[in-house]
Amino acid sequence: MAGGSNDEKGTGGNAASTPPRVKLRVGVGVAIGTVSLLLYTITLAPDILSHDVADWQGAAAVAGIGHPPGSPAYTLVGWLFTLVPLGSVPERVNFLSAVVGAAGVAALYCFILL
């Protein structure tokens, strides 16, 4: 068994490869997530919204603390999104919500089918 073939380990050479059906499902999941992001982006609110949304937009804009419990992860990632020089600050924070929502749609699809 010289030559370093995969048969030495008893894998038959196919252990590292992913089945085509899984690749297809992941590809469809990515496509669904991309379409979701496109739809969320088209319908994105371009300005400050009311109630809690305005609180989170303001907290993310200054990397501050929203009302308790504060959601520090959302605030910090929202602050990073405010650094991208596209659109207004509230629109950038709303885009974060669109990205997270689209990722959730894709992840839900993949989790259900995989």
Protein backbone atom coordinates (compact mmCIF):
# COMPACT_ATOMS: atom_id res chain seq x y z
CA MET A 1 0.00 0.00 0.00
CA ALA A 2 2.73 2.41 -0.91
CA GLY A 3 2.15 5.62 -2.79
CA GLY A 4 -0.05 7.38 -0.21
CA SER A 5 -3.42 6.35 -1.61
CA ASN A 6 -6.59 6.97 0.34
CA ASP A 7 -7.16 3.22 0.53
CA GLU A 8 -4.56 3.01 3.27
CA LYS A 9 -6.98 4.75 5.62
CA GLY A 10 -9.94 2.72 4.46
CA THR A 11 -11.76 5.74 3.06
CA GLY A 12 -11.96 4.59 -0.51
CA GLY A 13 -11.16 8.09 -1.74
CA ASN A 14 -14.74 9.39 -1.28
CA ALA A 15 -14.82 10.32 2.41
CA ALA A 16 -13.82 13.95 1.84
CA SER A 17 -16.26 14.60 -1.00
CA THR A 18 -19.70 16.07 -0.37
CA PRO A 19 -22.69 14.34 -1.98
CA PRO A 20 -24.08 16.27 -4.97
CA ARG A 21 -27.53 16.45 -3.34
CA VAL A 22 -26.09 18.35 -0.35
CA LYS A 23 -24.24 20.76 -2.65
CA LEU A 24 -27.46 21.36 -4.57
CA ARG A 25 -29.45 22.03 -1.40
CA VAL A 26 -26.81 24.44 -0.07
CA GLY A 27 -26.76 26.19 -3.45
CA VAL A 28 -30.54 26.53 -3.40
CA GLY A 29 -30.32 27.84 0.17
CA VAL A 30 -27.81 30.48 -0.90
CA ALA A 31 -30.04 31.43 -3.83
CA ILE A 32 -33.08 31.73 -1.57
CA GLY A 33 -31.06 33.86 0.86
CA THR A 34 -29.87 36.10 -1.98
CA VAL A 35 -33.40 36.58 -3.32
CA SER A 36 -34.60 37.32 0.22
CA LEU A 37 -31.85 39.91 0.67
CA LEU A 38 -32.80 41.52 -2.63
CA LEU A 39 -36.47 41.72 -1.62
CA TYR A 40 -35.63 43.02 1.86
CA THR A 41 -33.31 45.63 0.34
CA ILE A 42 -35.91 46.80 -2.17
CA THR A 43 -38.45 47.31 0.61
CA LEU A 44 -35.93 48.77 3.08
CA ALA A 45 -37.07 51.73 5.19
CA PRO A 46 -34.73 54.62 4.30
CA ASP A 47 -35.29 56.70 7.43
CA ILE A 48 -35.77 56.56 11.18
CA LEU A 49 -38.72 54.45 12.23
CA SER A 50 -40.76 54.74 15.39
CA HIS A 51 -40.65 53.14 18.85
CA ASP A 52 -37.98 50.51 19.58
CA VAL A 53 -36.56 50.58 16.06
CA ALA A 54 -35.54 54.22 16.47
CA ASP A 55 -33.92 53.34 19.79
CA TRP A 56 -31.83 50.58 18.22
CA GLN A 57 -30.93 52.78 15.25
CA GLY A 58 -29.75 55.54 17.57
CA ALA A 59 -27.80 53.16 19.80
CA ALA A 60 -26.06 51.61 16.80
CA ALA A 61 -25.21 55.02 15.34
CA VAL A 62 -23.21 56.01 18.42
CA ALA A 63 -22.21 52.51 19.61
CA GLY A 64 -24.26 53.24 22.71
CA ILE A 65 -26.62 51.24 24.85
CA GLY A 66 -30.27 50.81 23.96
CA HIS A 67 -32.85 50.28 26.66
CA PRO A 68 -32.34 47.16 28.82
CA PRO A 69 -31.28 44.46 28.06
CA GLY A 70 -29.31 46.43 25.49
CA SER A 71 -28.56 43.76 22.84
CA PRO A 72 -24.83 44.53 22.63
CA ALA A 73 -24.15 42.21 19.69
CA TYR A 74 -26.80 43.90 17.53
CA THR A 75 -25.58 47.33 18.59
CA LEU A 76 -21.93 46.60 17.79
CA VAL A 77 -22.66 44.98 14.44
CA GLY A 78 -25.07 47.84 13.68
CA TRP A 79 -22.31 50.32 14.50
CA LEU A 80 -20.03 48.50 12.01
CA PHE A 81 -22.79 48.79 9.39
CA THR A 82 -23.00 52.56 10.06
CA LEU A 83 -19.36 52.89 8.99
CA VAL A 84 -20.20 51.79 5.43
CA PRO A 85 -20.60 55.00 3.39
CA LEU A 86 -23.87 54.08 1.64
CA GLY A 87 -27.19 55.78 2.32
CA SER A 88 -28.25 57.35 5.60
CA VAL A 89 -27.29 55.97 9.01
CA PRO A 90 -30.80 54.61 9.75
CA GLU A 91 -30.85 52.98 6.32
CA ARG A 92 -27.55 51.23 7.07
CA VAL A 93 -28.89 49.86 10.36
CA ASN A 94 -32.06 48.74 8.58
CA PHE A 95 -29.83 47.01 6.03
CA LEU A 96 -28.28 45.04 8.90
CA SER A 97 -31.74 43.76 9.74
CA ALA A 98 -32.25 42.82 6.09
CA VAL A 99 -28.95 40.91 6.00
CA VAL A 100 -29.75 39.06 9.23
CA GLY A 101 -33.27 38.28 8.02
CA ALA A 102 -32.03 36.93 4.68
CA ALA A 103 -29.39 34.83 6.44
CA GLY A 104 -32.14 33.47 8.68
CA VAL A 105 -34.26 32.50 5.68
CA ALA A 106 -31.31 30.69 4.05
CA ALA A 107 -30.32 28.99 7.31
CA LEU A 108 -33.88 27.83 7.97
CA TYR A 109 -34.06 26.29 4.50
CA CYS A 110 -30.72 24.53 4.95
CA PHE A 111 -31.53 23.29 8.46
CA ILE A 112 -34.87 21.86 7.40
CA LEU A 113 -33.52 20.03 4.35
CA LEU A 114 -30.08 19.03 5.56
